[in-house]
Amino acid sequence: MAEEKKLIGKVTHYFGKISVAGIELSDTLKVGDTISIEGATSNFQERIDSMQIDNDKVVEANAGDLIGIKVKDKARVGDDVYKVG
């Protein structure tokens, strides 16, 4: 059975020196969720260990929020972000 994926946002920024992706959400995301970042040359999964909104740590973010998360691989502006599970 294939993993279920739901589009929950788009990468709006990527900060290479600190490996942080800025993501604008279109749905809810919580610490502990697993996401998949997919684009023309990006395709990796990441478990959310922590996220921030305006440099404040949060455990949950909602549609319309702009979050920052640490990522293990390079994300690119315009990449789709899916919740996996």
Protein backbone atom coordinates (compact mmCIF):
# COMPACT_ATOMS: atom_id res chain seq x y z
CA MET A 1 0.00 0.00 0.00
CA ALA A 2 1.37 3.42 -0.96
CA GLU A 3 1.91 6.09 1.62
CA GLU A 4 -0.85 8.67 1.85
CA LYS A 5 0.30 12.19 0.99
CA LYS A 6 -1.53 15.47 1.38
CA LEU A 7 -0.29 18.78 -0.01
CA ILE A 8 0.11 21.16 2.94
CA GLY A 9 2.33 23.96 1.68
CA LYS A 10 5.11 25.37 -0.50
CA VAL A 11 8.73 26.24 0.15
CA THR A 12 9.07 30.05 0.01
CA HIS A 13 12.70 30.42 1.19
CA TYR A 14 15.78 28.28 1.71
CA PHE A 15 18.65 29.36 3.92
CA GLY A 16 21.61 27.22 2.84
CA LYS A 17 24.11 28.18 5.55
CA ILE A 18 21.77 26.99 8.32
CA SER A 19 19.80 24.38 6.27
CA VAL A 20 16.42 25.90 7.08
CA ALA A 21 13.40 25.90 4.77
CA GLY A 22 10.70 28.54 5.01
CA ILE A 23 7.32 27.01 4.25
CA GLU A 24 3.96 28.70 3.76
CA LEU A 25 1.31 26.30 5.02
CA SER A 26 -2.09 25.60 3.49
CA ASP A 27 -3.00 23.11 6.25
CA THR A 28 -2.09 22.21 9.84
CA LEU A 29 1.33 20.79 10.74
CA LYS A 30 2.52 19.53 14.14
CA VAL A 31 5.86 18.57 15.65
CA GLY A 32 6.22 14.81 15.14
CA ASP A 33 4.60 14.84 11.68
CA THR A 34 6.58 13.59 8.70
CA ILE A 35 6.70 15.69 5.56
CA SER A 36 7.93 15.10 2.03
CA ILE A 37 9.52 17.98 0.11
CA GLU A 38 9.21 17.42 -3.63
CA GLY A 39 10.14 19.49 -6.65
CA ALA A 40 12.02 19.34 -9.95
CA THR A 41 15.25 18.28 -8.22
CA SER A 42 14.14 17.87 -4.58
CA ASN A 43 12.66 14.69 -3.17
CA PHE A 44 13.20 13.83 0.50
CA GLN A 45 11.30 13.16 3.70
CA GLU A 46 11.82 14.93 6.98
CA ARG A 47 10.37 14.34 10.45
CA ILE A 48 9.43 17.60 12.15
CA ASP A 49 11.46 17.77 15.38
CA SER A 50 10.92 21.50 15.84
CA MET A 51 9.55 24.47 13.94
CA GLN A 52 9.47 28.19 14.39
CA ILE A 53 7.23 31.11 13.52
CA ASP A 54 9.05 34.46 13.69
CA ASN A 55 11.91 32.83 15.68
CA ASP A 56 9.48 31.50 18.33
CA LYS A 57 9.28 27.71 18.78
CA VAL A 58 5.81 26.30 18.19
CA VAL A 59 4.38 22.77 18.38
CA GLU A 60 1.59 23.38 15.87
CA ALA A 61 1.13 25.71 12.91
CA ASN A 62 -1.96 26.36 10.81
CA ALA A 63 -2.92 27.34 7.27
CA GLY A 64 -1.49 30.72 6.36
CA ASP A 65 1.45 30.46 8.78
CA LEU A 66 4.99 30.88 7.51
CA ILE A 67 7.19 28.40 9.38
CA GLY A 68 10.88 27.64 9.46
CA ILE A 69 12.16 24.07 9.83
CA LYS A 70 15.61 22.51 9.81
CA VAL A 71 16.04 20.19 6.81
CA LYS A 72 18.65 17.54 5.97
CA ASP A 73 18.77 18.29 2.24
CA LYS A 74 18.50 21.34 -0.02
CA ALA A 75 14.96 22.60 -0.55
CA ARG A 76 14.14 24.95 -3.39
CA VAL A 77 11.68 27.82 -3.64
CA GLY A 78 8.44 26.50 -5.15
CA ASP A 79 8.90 22.90 -3.93
CA ASP A 80 5.68 21.26 -2.77
CA VAL A 81 5.42 20.11 0.85
CA TYR A 82 3.28 17.07 1.63
CA LYS A 83 2.27 15.55 4.96
CA VAL A 84 3.00 11.81 4.88
CA GLY A 85 1.10 9.27 6.93
